[in-house]
Amino acid sequence: MKYLVRSLKYFVQLIVMLALFITVLVLLGFIDADINRMFVGGASSVWKIAGIVAVFAAVYPRFGYTSRRIFAAGDFAEASPSVTQEMAERGYVLEKTEGEDMSFRLKSPVAKATRLWEDRICMSRTMNGWEIEGPSKDVIRIVNGFAAKARDPEDE
């Protein structure tokens, strides 16, 4: 169900962005406002474009979300404050803690909106570290940030 909701959100976002782009081009006079002259196939092209956007929106959540593991020594009580601090430096606030699992959300309402409120990062404690799950770009940045901190302990 979550996958379908994400796909629908991306479909709406892409259609709105495309409509805004075309509106700007019409307002600037680069293209004619007549839909039959705007597209080679006329009005029937709109359905083809919507279909292409739908396919992209249906596939994107599969590649836009991931999970990665990081190594973190120590128990949850030792690691939790440094994880929360690292996430705060990246603009995330602790949403909830359940056992040894933590969930973070972006603090900025603008950043949340640009990500269509799909900004949750879930961190589950594993035997030797954390499993981080969320939007691919954010997860990769967080994993790289933790790896950099592990290489250079003077930053703490």
C-alpha atoms as a PDB file:
ATOM      1  CA  MET A   1       0.000   0.000   0.000  1.00  0.00           C
ATOM      2  CA  LYS A   2       2.861   2.363   0.866  1.00  0.00           C
ATOM      3  CA  TYR A   3       4.361   1.730  -2.586  1.00  0.00           C
ATOM      4  CA  LEU A   4       1.088   2.660  -4.317  1.00  0.00           C
ATOM      5  CA  VAL A   5       0.730   5.853  -2.274  1.00  0.00           C
ATOM      6  CA  ARG A   6       4.304   6.864  -3.107  1.00  0.00           C
ATOM      7  CA  SER A   7       3.681   6.191  -6.798  1.00  0.00           C
ATOM      8  CA  LEU A   8       0.541   8.320  -6.773  1.00  0.00           C
ATOM      9  CA  LYS A   9       2.368  11.148  -4.984  1.00  0.00           C
ATOM     10  CA  TYR A  10       5.134  11.110  -7.583  1.00  0.00           C
ATOM     11  CA  PHE A  11       2.621  10.970 -10.431  1.00  0.00           C
ATOM     12  CA  VAL A  12       0.841  14.083  -9.128  1.00  0.00           C
ATOM     13  CA  GLN A  13       4.140  15.859  -8.464  1.00  0.00           C
ATOM     14  CA  LEU A  14       5.468  15.143 -11.952  1.00  0.00           C
ATOM     15  CA  ILE A  15       2.218  16.196 -13.648  1.00  0.00           C
ATOM     16  CA  VAL A  16       2.152  19.457 -11.667  1.00  0.00           C
ATOM     17  CA  MET A  17       5.804  20.159 -12.508  1.00  0.00           C
ATOM     18  CA  LEU A  18       5.172  19.441 -16.193  1.00  0.00           C
ATOM     19  CA  ALA A  19       2.087  21.683 -16.213  1.00  0.00           C
ATOM     20  CA  LEU A  20       4.033  24.508 -14.555  1.00  0.00           C
ATOM     21  CA  PHE A  21       6.874  24.112 -17.047  1.00  0.00           C
ATOM     22  CA  ILE A  22       4.485  24.260 -20.004  1.00  0.00           C
ATOM     23  CA  THR A  23       2.638  27.237 -18.456  1.00  0.00           C
ATOM     24  CA  VAL A  24       5.893  29.167 -18.104  1.00  0.00           C
ATOM     25  CA  LEU A  25       6.806  28.395 -21.723  1.00  0.00           C
ATOM     26  CA  VAL A  26       3.370  29.635 -22.876  1.00  0.00           C
ATOM     27  CA  LEU A  27       3.587  32.800 -20.749  1.00  0.00           C
ATOM     28  CA  LEU A  28       7.052  33.581 -22.095  1.00  0.00           C
ATOM     29  CA  GLY A  29       5.785  33.095 -25.649  1.00  0.00           C
ATOM     30  CA  PHE A  30       8.075  30.211 -26.541  1.00  0.00           C
ATOM     31  CA  ILE A  31       5.185  27.925 -27.447  1.00  0.00           C
ATOM     32  CA  ASP A  32       1.632  28.492 -28.626  1.00  0.00           C
ATOM     33  CA  ALA A  33      -1.190  28.138 -26.087  1.00  0.00           C
ATOM     34  CA  ASP A  34      -3.225  25.978 -28.494  1.00  0.00           C
ATOM     35  CA  ILE A  35      -2.834  22.346 -27.401  1.00  0.00           C
ATOM     36  CA  ASN A  36      -3.147  21.102 -30.981  1.00  0.00           C
ATOM     37  CA  ARG A  37      -0.145  23.210 -31.973  1.00  0.00           C
ATOM     38  CA  MET A  38       1.734  22.734 -28.708  1.00  0.00           C
ATOM     39  CA  PHE A  39       2.266  18.994 -29.241  1.00  0.00           C
ATOM     40  CA  VAL A  40       2.944  17.159 -32.505  1.00  0.00           C
ATOM     41  CA  GLY A  41       0.049  14.763 -31.941  1.00  0.00           C
ATOM     42  CA  GLY A  42      -2.253  17.428 -30.553  1.00  0.00           C
ATOM     43  CA  ALA A  43      -4.520  16.602 -27.632  1.00  0.00           C
ATOM     44  CA  SER A  44      -3.894  12.850 -27.984  1.00  0.00           C
ATOM     45  CA  SER A  45      -0.266  13.474 -26.985  1.00  0.00           C
ATOM     46  CA  VAL A  46      -1.412  14.510 -23.513  1.00  0.00           C
ATOM     47  CA  TRP A  47      -2.547  10.934 -22.810  1.00  0.00           C
ATOM     48  CA  LYS A  48       0.740   9.552 -24.080  1.00  0.00           C
ATOM     49  CA  ILE A  49       2.694  11.945 -21.872  1.00  0.00           C
ATOM     50  CA  ALA A  50       0.498  11.043 -18.872  1.00  0.00           C
ATOM     51  CA  GLY A  51       1.178   7.365 -19.577  1.00  0.00           C
ATOM     52  CA  ILE A  52       4.935   7.903 -19.666  1.00  0.00           C
ATOM     53  CA  VAL A  53       4.756   9.866 -16.408  1.00  0.00           C
ATOM     54  CA  ALA A  54       2.632   7.088 -14.859  1.00  0.00           C
ATOM     55  CA  VAL A  55       5.219   4.449 -15.795  1.00  0.00           C
ATOM     56  CA  PHE A  56       8.028   6.545 -14.337  1.00  0.00           C
ATOM     57  CA  ALA A  57       6.024   7.232 -11.150  1.00  0.00           C
ATOM     58  CA  ALA A  58       5.256   3.517 -10.795  1.00  0.00           C
ATOM     59  CA  VAL A  59       8.929   2.531 -11.067  1.00  0.00           C
ATOM     60  CA  TYR A  60      10.560   5.334  -9.077  1.00  0.00           C
ATOM     61  CA  PRO A  61       9.673   4.180  -5.524  1.00  0.00           C
ATOM     62  CA  ARG A  62      11.474   0.901  -6.192  1.00  0.00           C
ATOM     63  CA  PHE A  63      14.754   2.764  -6.739  1.00  0.00           C
ATOM     64  CA  GLY A  64      14.069   5.859  -4.635  1.00  0.00           C
ATOM     65  CA  TYR A  65      14.068   4.011  -1.296  1.00  0.00           C
ATOM     66  CA  THR A  66      16.734   1.770   0.153  1.00  0.00           C
ATOM     67  CA  SER A  67      18.239   0.379   3.313  1.00  0.00           C
ATOM     68  CA  ARG A  68      21.903   0.201   4.297  1.00  0.00           C
ATOM     69  CA  ARG A  69      23.845  -1.090   7.288  1.00  0.00           C
ATOM     70  CA  ILE A  70      26.497   0.740   9.252  1.00  0.00           C
ATOM     71  CA  PHE A  71      28.847  -0.487  11.957  1.00  0.00           C
ATOM     72  CA  ALA A  72      28.517   1.066  15.395  1.00  0.00           C
ATOM     73  CA  ALA A  73      30.307  -0.268  18.437  1.00  0.00           C
ATOM     74  CA  GLY A  74      28.736  -0.220  21.859  1.00  0.00           C
ATOM     75  CA  ASP A  75      25.250  -0.809  23.128  1.00  0.00           C
ATOM     76  CA  PHE A  76      22.140   1.211  22.334  1.00  0.00           C
ATOM     77  CA  ALA A  77      22.509   3.503  25.356  1.00  0.00           C
ATOM     78  CA  GLU A  78      26.037   4.502  24.248  1.00  0.00           C
ATOM     79  CA  ALA A  79      25.292   4.858  20.531  1.00  0.00           C
ATOM     80  CA  SER A  80      21.875   6.510  20.674  1.00  0.00           C
ATOM     81  CA  PRO A  81      22.996  10.044  21.712  1.00  0.00           C
ATOM     82  CA  SER A  82      25.639  10.235  18.974  1.00  0.00           C
ATOM     83  CA  VAL A  83      23.156   8.950  16.384  1.00  0.00           C
ATOM     84  CA  THR A  84      20.580  11.534  17.458  1.00  0.00           C
ATOM     85  CA  GLN A  85      23.210  14.294  17.318  1.00  0.00           C
ATOM     86  CA  GLU A  86      24.424  13.226  13.870  1.00  0.00           C
ATOM     87  CA  MET A  87      20.861  13.187  12.587  1.00  0.00           C
ATOM     88  CA  ALA A  88      20.184  16.627  14.116  1.00  0.00           C
ATOM     89  CA  GLU A  89      23.216  17.989  12.249  1.00  0.00           C
ATOM     90  CA  ARG A  90      21.575  16.747   9.048  1.00  0.00           C
ATOM     91  CA  GLY A  91      18.267  18.475   9.823  1.00  0.00           C
ATOM     92  CA  TYR A  92      16.386  15.528  11.327  1.00  0.00           C
ATOM     93  CA  VAL A  93      14.545  15.336  14.631  1.00  0.00           C
ATOM     94  CA  LEU A  94      13.787  12.196  16.594  1.00  0.00           C
ATOM     95  CA  GLU A  95      10.186  11.228  15.927  1.00  0.00           C
ATOM     96  CA  LYS A  96       9.944   8.151  18.138  1.00  0.00           C
ATOM     97  CA  THR A  97      11.930   5.404  19.797  1.00  0.00           C
ATOM     98  CA  GLU A  98      10.563   1.891  20.089  1.00  0.00           C
ATOM     99  CA  GLY A  99      12.921  -0.422  21.909  1.00  0.00           C
ATOM    100  CA  GLU A 100      16.226  -0.056  20.068  1.00  0.00           C
ATOM    101  CA  ASP A 101      14.630   1.302  16.876  1.00  0.00           C
ATOM    102  CA  MET A 102      14.515   5.023  16.146  1.00  0.00           C
ATOM    103  CA  SER A 103      12.572   7.018  13.601  1.00  0.00           C
ATOM    104  CA  PHE A 104      13.573  10.489  12.408  1.00  0.00           C
ATOM    105  CA  ARG A 105      11.734  13.141  10.362  1.00  0.00           C
ATOM    106  CA  LEU A 106      13.016  16.289   8.716  1.00  0.00           C
ATOM    107  CA  LYS A 107      12.642  19.415  10.815  1.00  0.00           C
ATOM    108  CA  SER A 108      12.065  21.852   7.944  1.00  0.00           C
ATOM    109  CA  PRO A 109       8.486  21.995   6.602  1.00  0.00           C
ATOM    110  CA  VAL A 110       9.836  23.099   3.203  1.00  0.00           C
ATOM    111  CA  ALA A 111      12.167  20.098   2.987  1.00  0.00           C
ATOM    112  CA  LYS A 112       9.282  17.825   3.998  1.00  0.00           C
ATOM    113  CA  ALA A 113       7.073  19.268   1.263  1.00  0.00           C
ATOM    114  CA  THR A 114       9.724  18.904  -1.430  1.00  0.00           C
ATOM    115  CA  ARG A 115      10.004  15.239  -0.496  1.00  0.00           C
ATOM    116  CA  LEU A 116       6.195  14.874  -0.463  1.00  0.00           C
ATOM    117  CA  TRP A 117       6.302  14.059   3.264  1.00  0.00           C
ATOM    118  CA  GLU A 118       8.282  10.886   2.460  1.00  0.00           C
ATOM    119  CA  ASP A 119      11.132  12.017   4.690  1.00  0.00           C
ATOM    120  CA  ARG A 120      11.151   9.352   7.419  1.00  0.00           C
ATOM    121  CA  ILE A 121      14.472   7.681   8.207  1.00  0.00           C
ATOM    122  CA  CYS A 122      14.105   4.482  10.248  1.00  0.00           C
ATOM    123  CA  MET A 123      17.104   3.154  12.121  1.00  0.00           C
ATOM    124  CA  SER A 124      16.921  -0.383  13.499  1.00  0.00           C
ATOM    125  CA  ARG A 125      19.587  -1.688  15.837  1.00  0.00           C
ATOM    126  CA  THR A 126      21.395  -4.782  14.544  1.00  0.00           C
ATOM    127  CA  MET A 127      23.920  -6.999  16.263  1.00  0.00           C
ATOM    128  CA  ASN A 128      26.892  -4.843  15.254  1.00  0.00           C
ATOM    129  CA  GLY A 129      25.395  -1.527  14.195  1.00  0.00           C
ATOM    130  CA  TRP A 130      22.325  -0.008  12.570  1.00  0.00           C
ATOM    131  CA  GLU A 131      20.159  -0.689   9.565  1.00  0.00           C
ATOM    132  CA  ILE A 132      19.045   2.603   8.051  1.00  0.00           C
ATOM    133  CA  GLU A 133      15.991   2.736   5.794  1.00  0.00           C
ATOM    134  CA  GLY A 134      14.505   5.660   3.883  1.00  0.00           C
ATOM    135  CA  PRO A 135      14.870   7.741   0.707  1.00  0.00           C
ATOM    136  CA  SER A 136      18.002   6.599  -1.152  1.00  0.00           C
ATOM    137  CA  LYS A 137      19.711   9.985  -1.359  1.00  0.00           C
ATOM    138  CA  ASP A 138      19.249  10.667   2.330  1.00  0.00           C
ATOM    139  CA  VAL A 139      20.274   7.164   3.434  1.00  0.00           C
ATOM    140  CA  ILE A 140      23.470   7.328   1.383  1.00  0.00           C
ATOM    141  CA  ARG A 141      24.351  10.756   2.815  1.00  0.00           C
ATOM    142  CA  ILE A 142      23.706   9.557   6.363  1.00  0.00           C
ATOM    143  CA  VAL A 143      25.737   6.370   5.893  1.00  0.00           C
ATOM    144  CA  ASN A 144      28.625   8.368   4.439  1.00  0.00           C
ATOM    145  CA  GLY A 145      28.385  10.841   7.333  1.00  0.00           C
ATOM    146  CA  PHE A 146      28.595   8.060   9.899  1.00  0.00           C
ATOM    147  CA  ALA A 147      31.501   6.481   8.002  1.00  0.00           C
ATOM    148  CA  ALA A 148      33.358   9.808   7.982  1.00  0.00           C
ATOM    149  CA  LYS A 149      32.809  10.207  11.739  1.00  0.00           C
ATOM    150  CA  ALA A 150      34.103   6.660  12.310  1.00  0.00           C
ATOM    151  CA  ARG A 151      37.275   7.420  10.307  1.00  0.00           C
ATOM    152  CA  ASP A 152      37.928  10.759  12.019  1.00  0.00           C
ATOM    153  CA  PRO A 153      36.976  10.574  15.729  1.00  0.00           C
ATOM    154  CA  GLU A 154      38.330  14.106  16.356  1.00  0.00           C
ATOM    155  CA  ASP A 155      35.126  15.558  14.863  1.00  0.00           C
ATOM    156  CA  GLU A 156      33.036  14.435  17.824  1.00  0.00           C
END
